Each structure stands twice: as structure tokens, then as C-alpha cells.
Amino acid sequence: GDHRDLHSFPTRRSSDLSQSIYTLMTTSLGECKFDETYGCELWDSDFDLLKSDNELKVFVAQSLKKSIAQHEKRITTQDIEVTITEQDLGNLGKKRIKKKVLVSIKAIVLETNRPYTFKNSFFVSPLSY
């Protein structure tokens, strides 16, 4: 087939999508004055209560699925994969352990019916440190 149609979509479109998902993912509910429901319920939780990485993974995936379904109508989410690693961001012998949450979202862009993958990460710090 002719692959030229791949180039007729400005790549800005997917970077705009990525930006919008990232903003959604890192905004806490009620933070956006125009729309109190905008954001991710992730940030309303006390990360200490989520004892295991596994619980955190499930929670992150569910929260994201929910906010994307509600606020990012351009895509339909197929799969969300969450990987958690711990990183020590401290210095000079002071430990500052943070959890790095890597999110990989597989989705379909409704308008073009093309697969879309979003990958990004953010840190959460347990409140007890």
C-alpha cells in the first residue's frame, strides 16, 4: 500500500495527546478550577496506605483508566501497564527513597483508528520519610 498517509497527520497531534495525558495524570482532583473533576484520583490517596507495590500498580492503572475515559475522549484505552521501581534520590548519606511509577498506556486513537502508546513516569514519595 501507499504509506504516504502516515505523514499527513502532524506528529504534533500525538505529542499534544501525550502532553494532555501527562497533565491529566499528574493533576490532582480539584486542582483545576474550571473543572473540579479534572485530574487523577491518584493524588488524593495517602501513599502509605498502599502498602505493596502491587496494590499501588492496580490503583494507578484504575485511576488512570477512569480519568482517561472521563477526560480524554480522543482515545480508547486498551491496556495500562504499571511498573514500579524504587530510587534513592538522597545525597550525602541521607536516604530519600522514592517510588518511580512508570506508566505505559496502549490505546486506539478513535479518529484515525491507529494504535497509540503513551509512556511516562512520575515519582511518588511515601509520606513517612
N, C-alpha and C. Protein backbone atom coordinates (compact mmCIF):
# COMPACT_ATOMS: atom_id res chain seq x y z
N GLY A 1 0.81 -1.20 0.00
CA GLY A 1 0.00 0.00 0.00
C GLY A 1 0.85 1.25 0.00
N ASP A 2 0.21 2.37 -0.09
CA ASP A 2 0.90 3.65 -0.09
C ASP A 2 1.02 4.13 1.35
N HIS A 3 2.26 4.38 1.78
CA HIS A 3 2.46 4.74 3.18
C HIS A 3 2.43 6.23 3.40
N ARG A 4 2.18 6.96 2.35
CA ARG A 4 2.27 8.41 2.48
C ARG A 4 1.28 8.99 3.48
N ASP A 5 0.15 8.33 3.62
CA ASP A 5 -0.87 8.88 4.52
C ASP A 5 -0.38 8.97 5.96
N LEU A 6 0.67 8.22 6.27
CA LEU A 6 1.25 8.30 7.61
C LEU A 6 1.72 9.70 7.90
N HIS A 7 2.13 10.41 6.86
CA HIS A 7 2.73 11.72 7.08
C HIS A 7 1.73 12.85 7.03
N SER A 8 0.50 12.50 6.70
CA SER A 8 -0.47 13.58 6.60
C SER A 8 -0.99 14.00 7.99
N PHE A 9 -0.68 13.17 9.00
CA PHE A 9 -1.05 13.57 10.35
C PHE A 9 0.14 14.23 10.99
N PRO A 10 -0.01 15.47 11.41
CA PRO A 10 1.12 16.12 12.05
C PRO A 10 1.47 15.35 13.32
N THR A 11 2.74 15.17 13.59
CA THR A 11 3.14 14.43 14.78
C THR A 11 2.77 15.23 16.01
N ARG A 12 2.53 16.50 15.82
CA ARG A 12 2.12 17.34 16.93
C ARG A 12 0.88 16.76 17.60
N ARG A 13 0.08 16.10 16.80
CA ARG A 13 -1.17 15.59 17.34
C ARG A 13 -0.90 14.57 18.45
N SER A 14 0.03 13.65 18.21
CA SER A 14 0.27 12.67 19.26
C SER A 14 1.06 13.28 20.42
N SER A 15 1.89 14.28 20.13
CA SER A 15 2.61 14.87 21.25
C SER A 15 1.66 15.71 22.09
N ASP A 16 0.66 16.27 21.43
CA ASP A 16 -0.37 17.01 22.12
C ASP A 16 -1.19 16.07 23.00
N LEU A 17 -1.44 14.89 22.49
CA LEU A 17 -2.16 13.86 23.23
C LEU A 17 -1.34 13.43 24.43
N SER A 18 -0.06 13.19 24.21
CA SER A 18 0.82 12.76 25.30
C SER A 18 0.88 13.81 26.39
N GLN A 19 0.97 15.07 25.96
CA GLN A 19 1.02 16.18 26.90
C GLN A 19 -0.26 16.20 27.72
N SER A 20 -1.36 16.02 27.04
CA SER A 20 -2.64 16.10 27.72
C SER A 20 -2.82 14.93 28.70
N ILE A 21 -2.36 13.74 28.33
CA ILE A 21 -2.47 12.60 29.24
C ILE A 21 -1.55 12.80 30.45
N TYR A 22 -0.35 13.33 30.17
CA TYR A 22 0.59 13.56 31.27
C TYR A 22 0.03 14.58 32.27
N THR A 23 -0.56 15.63 31.74
CA THR A 23 -1.15 16.66 32.59
C THR A 23 -2.29 16.08 33.41
N LEU A 24 -3.12 15.28 32.75
CA LEU A 24 -4.24 14.64 33.42
C LEU A 24 -3.75 13.74 34.55
N MET A 25 -2.69 12.99 34.24
CA MET A 25 -2.14 12.01 35.16
C MET A 25 -1.51 12.66 36.39
N THR A 26 -0.95 13.86 36.22
CA THR A 26 -0.21 14.47 37.31
C THR A 26 -0.98 15.61 37.99
N THR A 27 -2.25 15.75 37.66
CA THR A 27 -3.07 16.78 38.28
C THR A 27 -3.97 16.13 39.32
N SER A 28 -4.05 16.72 40.50
CA SER A 28 -4.93 16.13 41.49
C SER A 28 -6.34 16.70 41.32
N LEU A 29 -7.32 15.93 41.72
CA LEU A 29 -8.71 16.34 41.58
C LEU A 29 -8.94 17.64 42.34
N GLY A 30 -9.69 18.55 41.74
CA GLY A 30 -10.00 19.80 42.41
C GLY A 30 -8.93 20.87 42.19
N GLU A 31 -7.81 20.47 41.59
CA GLU A 31 -6.71 21.41 41.36
C GLU A 31 -7.05 22.36 40.22
N CYS A 32 -7.79 21.83 39.25
CA CYS A 32 -8.19 22.64 38.10
C CYS A 32 -9.49 23.37 38.44
N LYS A 33 -9.41 24.69 38.49
CA LYS A 33 -10.57 25.47 38.94
C LYS A 33 -11.74 25.41 37.96
N PHE A 34 -11.44 25.20 36.69
CA PHE A 34 -12.51 25.18 35.68
C PHE A 34 -13.31 23.89 35.75
N ASP A 35 -12.66 22.84 36.19
CA ASP A 35 -13.32 21.54 36.22
C ASP A 35 -12.78 20.74 37.40
N GLU A 36 -13.55 20.70 38.46
CA GLU A 36 -13.10 20.03 39.69
C GLU A 36 -12.89 18.53 39.49
N THR A 37 -13.51 17.97 38.45
CA THR A 37 -13.38 16.52 38.26
C THR A 37 -12.14 16.20 37.42
N TYR A 38 -11.47 17.25 36.91
CA TYR A 38 -10.30 17.01 36.06
C TYR A 38 -9.13 16.56 36.92
N GLY A 39 -8.42 15.57 36.43
CA GLY A 39 -7.25 15.10 37.15
C GLY A 39 -7.36 13.62 37.46
N CYS A 40 -6.49 13.15 38.34
CA CYS A 40 -6.42 11.74 38.66
C CYS A 40 -6.56 11.55 40.16
N GLU A 41 -7.41 10.61 40.55
CA GLU A 41 -7.69 10.42 41.97
C GLU A 41 -6.47 9.88 42.72
N LEU A 42 -5.47 9.49 41.95
CA LEU A 42 -4.20 9.03 42.49
C LEU A 42 -3.69 9.91 43.63
N TRP A 43 -3.77 11.21 43.41
CA TRP A 43 -3.12 12.15 44.32
C TRP A 43 -3.95 12.43 45.57
N ASP A 44 -5.16 11.88 45.60
CA ASP A 44 -5.98 12.06 46.79
C ASP A 44 -5.67 10.99 47.82
N SER A 45 -4.84 10.04 47.41
CA SER A 45 -4.64 8.91 48.30
C SER A 45 -3.40 9.13 49.15
N ASP A 46 -3.39 8.51 50.28
CA ASP A 46 -2.22 8.52 51.13
C ASP A 46 -1.38 7.32 50.68
N PHE A 47 -0.23 7.60 50.08
CA PHE A 47 0.55 6.51 49.52
C PHE A 47 1.03 5.51 50.57
N ASP A 48 1.02 5.92 51.82
CA ASP A 48 1.40 4.99 52.88
C ASP A 48 0.41 3.85 53.04
N LEU A 49 -0.84 4.16 52.69
CA LEU A 49 -1.87 3.14 52.86
C LEU A 49 -1.73 2.04 51.81
N LEU A 50 -1.08 2.38 50.72
CA LEU A 50 -0.91 1.39 49.66
C LEU A 50 0.38 0.65 49.97
N LYS A 51 0.26 -0.34 50.80
CA LYS A 51 1.45 -1.00 51.32
C LYS A 51 2.33 -1.60 50.23
N SER A 52 1.74 -2.43 49.39
CA SER A 52 2.59 -3.15 48.45
C SER A 52 2.64 -2.47 47.10
N ASP A 53 3.70 -2.71 46.38
CA ASP A 53 3.82 -2.17 45.03
C ASP A 53 2.69 -2.66 44.16
N ASN A 54 2.27 -3.89 44.44
CA ASN A 54 1.22 -4.47 43.63
C ASN A 54 -0.09 -3.72 43.79
N GLU A 55 -0.42 -3.35 45.02
CA GLU A 55 -1.63 -2.57 45.25
C GLU A 55 -1.54 -1.22 44.57
N LEU A 56 -0.35 -0.64 44.63
CA LEU A 56 -0.12 0.66 44.01
C LEU A 56 -0.32 0.56 42.50
N LYS A 57 0.23 -0.50 41.91
CA LYS A 57 0.09 -0.71 40.46
C LYS A 57 -1.37 -0.75 40.04
N VAL A 58 -2.14 -1.55 40.75
CA VAL A 58 -3.55 -1.71 40.43
C VAL A 58 -4.27 -0.37 40.58
N PHE A 59 -3.94 0.33 41.64
CA PHE A 59 -4.58 1.61 41.91
C PHE A 59 -4.26 2.64 40.84
N VAL A 60 -2.99 2.71 40.44
CA VAL A 60 -2.58 3.67 39.41
C VAL A 60 -3.30 3.36 38.11
N ALA A 61 -3.32 2.08 37.72
CA ALA A 61 -3.96 1.68 36.47
C ALA A 61 -5.45 2.03 36.48
N GLN A 62 -6.11 1.73 37.59
CA GLN A 62 -7.54 2.01 37.68
C GLN A 62 -7.83 3.51 37.64
N SER A 63 -7.03 4.28 38.37
CA SER A 63 -7.23 5.73 38.41
C SER A 63 -7.06 6.33 37.03
N LEU A 64 -6.01 5.87 36.33
CA LEU A 64 -5.73 6.41 35.00
C LEU A 64 -6.83 6.05 34.02
N LYS A 65 -7.24 4.79 34.07
CA LYS A 65 -8.28 4.32 33.17
C LYS A 65 -9.52 5.20 33.33
N LYS A 66 -9.86 5.47 34.58
CA LYS A 66 -11.03 6.26 34.92
C LYS A 66 -10.89 7.69 34.39
N SER A 67 -9.77 8.34 34.66
CA SER A 67 -9.65 9.74 34.24
C SER A 67 -9.52 9.87 32.73
N ILE A 68 -8.89 8.89 32.09
CA ILE A 68 -8.78 8.97 30.62
C ILE A 68 -10.16 8.80 29.99
N ALA A 69 -10.92 7.84 30.51
CA ALA A 69 -12.27 7.61 29.98
C ALA A 69 -13.13 8.86 30.14
N GLN A 70 -12.90 9.58 31.23
CA GLN A 70 -13.72 10.75 31.53
C GLN A 70 -13.26 12.00 30.78
N HIS A 71 -11.95 12.15 30.62
CA HIS A 71 -11.44 13.44 30.14
C HIS A 71 -10.67 13.41 28.82
N GLU A 72 -10.29 12.23 28.37
CA GLU A 72 -9.54 12.18 27.11
C GLU A 72 -10.34 11.35 26.12
N LYS A 73 -11.31 12.01 25.48
CA LYS A 73 -12.25 11.29 24.62
C LYS A 73 -11.64 10.91 23.26
N ARG A 74 -10.41 11.38 23.01
CA ARG A 74 -9.81 11.09 21.69
C ARG A 74 -9.31 9.66 21.57
N ILE A 75 -9.12 9.02 22.72
CA ILE A 75 -8.60 7.66 22.65
C ILE A 75 -9.47 6.70 23.45
N THR A 76 -9.34 5.43 23.11
CA THR A 76 -9.96 4.41 23.93
C THR A 76 -8.83 3.51 24.46
N THR A 77 -8.79 3.37 25.76
CA THR A 77 -7.69 2.65 26.40
C THR A 77 -7.87 1.15 26.27
N GLN A 78 -6.79 0.48 25.87
CA GLN A 78 -6.85 -0.97 25.77
C GLN A 78 -6.16 -1.63 26.94
N ASP A 79 -5.03 -1.06 27.32
CA ASP A 79 -4.22 -1.72 28.32
C ASP A 79 -3.35 -0.70 29.03
N ILE A 80 -3.25 -0.81 30.34
CA ILE A 80 -2.36 0.06 31.08
C ILE A 80 -1.41 -0.80 31.89
N GLU A 81 -0.14 -0.59 31.67
CA GLU A 81 0.87 -1.37 32.37
C GLU A 81 1.62 -0.44 33.30
N VAL A 82 1.76 -0.84 34.54
CA VAL A 82 2.44 0.00 35.51
C VAL A 82 3.62 -0.76 36.10
N THR A 83 4.79 -0.13 36.09
CA THR A 83 5.98 -0.74 36.66
C THR A 83 6.49 0.17 37.76
N ILE A 84 6.84 -0.43 38.88
CA ILE A 84 7.30 0.39 39.99
C ILE A 84 8.71 0.02 40.41
N THR A 85 9.57 1.01 40.50
CA THR A 85 10.93 0.78 40.98
C THR A 85 11.21 1.78 42.09
N GLU A 86 12.15 1.45 42.94
CA GLU A 86 12.49 2.39 43.99
C GLU A 86 13.79 3.05 43.65
N GLN A 87 13.87 4.34 43.91
CA GLN A 87 15.10 5.05 43.65
C GLN A 87 15.46 5.89 44.85
N ASP A 88 16.74 5.89 45.17
CA ASP A 88 17.19 6.70 46.28
C ASP A 88 17.65 8.04 45.70
N LEU A 89 16.91 9.08 45.99
CA LEU A 89 17.23 10.40 45.45
C LEU A 89 17.96 11.25 46.47
N GLY A 90 18.41 10.60 47.53
CA GLY A 90 19.08 11.35 48.59
C GLY A 90 20.52 11.68 48.22
N ASN A 91 21.16 12.41 49.09
CA ASN A 91 22.59 12.68 48.88
C ASN A 91 23.29 12.74 50.22
N LEU A 92 24.61 12.63 50.22
CA LEU A 92 25.41 12.69 51.44
C LEU A 92 24.86 11.82 52.56
N GLY A 93 24.64 10.55 52.20
CA GLY A 93 24.26 9.59 53.23
C GLY A 93 22.85 9.74 53.76
N LYS A 94 22.11 10.71 53.25
CA LYS A 94 20.70 10.81 53.65
C LYS A 94 19.87 10.06 52.64
N LYS A 95 19.14 9.08 53.08
CA LYS A 95 18.31 8.31 52.16
C LYS A 95 17.02 9.05 51.88
N ARG A 96 16.67 9.15 50.61
CA ARG A 96 15.35 9.66 50.24
C ARG A 96 14.81 8.71 49.20
N ILE A 97 14.15 7.69 49.67
CA ILE A 97 13.62 6.69 48.75
C ILE A 97 12.31 7.20 48.15
N LYS A 98 12.27 7.17 46.85
CA LYS A 98 11.00 7.48 46.19
C LYS A 98 10.66 6.33 45.29
N LYS A 99 9.38 6.15 45.06
CA LYS A 99 8.97 5.13 44.11
C LYS A 99 8.80 5.80 42.75
N LYS A 100 9.40 5.17 41.76
CA LYS A 100 9.23 5.66 40.40
C LYS A 100 8.14 4.82 39.76
N VAL A 101 7.11 5.49 39.30
CA VAL A 101 5.98 4.80 38.70
C VAL A 101 6.04 5.02 37.19
N LEU A 102 6.31 3.94 36.47
CA LEU A 102 6.38 4.03 35.01
C LEU A 102 5.07 3.52 34.45
N VAL A 103 4.46 4.36 33.63
CA VAL A 103 3.16 4.02 33.09
C VAL A 103 3.25 3.83 31.59
N SER A 104 2.70 2.75 31.11
CA SER A 104 2.64 2.52 29.67
C SER A 104 1.18 2.25 29.30
N ILE A 105 0.64 3.13 28.47
CA ILE A 105 -0.76 3.01 28.09
C ILE A 105 -0.88 2.66 26.61
N LYS A 106 -1.56 1.58 26.34
CA LYS A 106 -1.84 1.23 24.95
C LYS A 106 -3.28 1.62 24.67
N ALA A 107 -3.45 2.35 23.57
CA ALA A 107 -4.79 2.83 23.26
C ALA A 107 -4.99 2.89 21.76
N ILE A 108 -6.20 3.21 21.38
CA ILE A 108 -6.53 3.42 19.97
C ILE A 108 -7.02 4.86 19.83
N VAL A 109 -6.47 5.57 18.85
CA VAL A 109 -6.95 6.92 18.58
C VAL A 109 -8.22 6.77 17.75
N LEU A 110 -9.32 7.24 18.30
CA LEU A 110 -10.61 6.99 17.67
C LEU A 110 -10.72 7.58 16.27
N GLU A 111 -10.21 8.79 16.11
CA GLU A 111 -10.35 9.49 14.84
C GLU A 111 -9.65 8.77 13.69
N THR A 112 -8.49 8.18 13.99
CA THR A 112 -7.70 7.57 12.92
C THR A 112 -7.70 6.05 13.02
N ASN A 113 -8.20 5.54 14.15
CA ASN A 113 -8.20 4.11 14.39
C ASN A 113 -6.78 3.54 14.46
N ARG A 114 -5.83 4.38 14.81
CA ARG A 114 -4.45 3.93 14.90
C ARG A 114 -4.08 3.63 16.35
N PRO A 115 -3.18 2.65 16.49
CA PRO A 115 -2.70 2.37 17.84
C PRO A 115 -1.86 3.54 18.36
N TYR A 116 -1.94 3.76 19.64
CA TYR A 116 -1.20 4.85 20.24
C TYR A 116 -0.63 4.34 21.57
N THR A 117 0.63 4.63 21.81
CA THR A 117 1.24 4.23 23.07
C THR A 117 1.77 5.44 23.81
N PHE A 118 1.43 5.51 25.06
CA PHE A 118 1.90 6.60 25.90
C PHE A 118 2.80 5.99 26.96
N LYS A 119 4.02 6.55 27.09
CA LYS A 119 4.91 6.08 28.14
C LYS A 119 5.43 7.28 28.90
N ASN A 120 5.32 7.21 30.20
CA ASN A 120 5.88 8.29 31.00
C ASN A 120 5.99 7.82 32.43
N SER A 121 6.68 8.59 33.24
CA SER A 121 6.82 8.16 34.62
C SER A 121 6.74 9.36 35.54
N PHE A 122 6.44 9.08 36.79
CA PHE A 122 6.44 10.12 37.80
C PHE A 122 6.88 9.49 39.12
N PHE A 123 7.23 10.31 40.06
CA PHE A 123 7.67 9.80 41.35
C PHE A 123 6.59 10.00 42.40
N VAL A 124 6.48 9.06 43.29
CA VAL A 124 5.67 9.27 44.48
C VAL A 124 6.57 9.04 45.67
N SER A 125 6.41 9.85 46.69
CA SER A 125 7.23 9.61 47.86
C SER A 125 6.34 9.18 49.00
N PRO A 126 6.72 8.11 49.66
CA PRO A 126 5.97 7.72 50.84
C PRO A 126 6.02 8.84 51.84
N LEU A 127 4.90 9.11 52.50
CA LEU A 127 4.81 10.27 53.36
C LEU A 127 5.61 10.13 54.64
N SER A 128 5.99 8.91 54.97
CA SER A 128 6.62 8.69 56.27
C SER A 128 8.12 9.06 56.27
N TYR A 129 8.68 9.32 55.10
CA TYR A 129 10.13 9.60 55.09
C TYR A 129 10.41 11.04 55.42
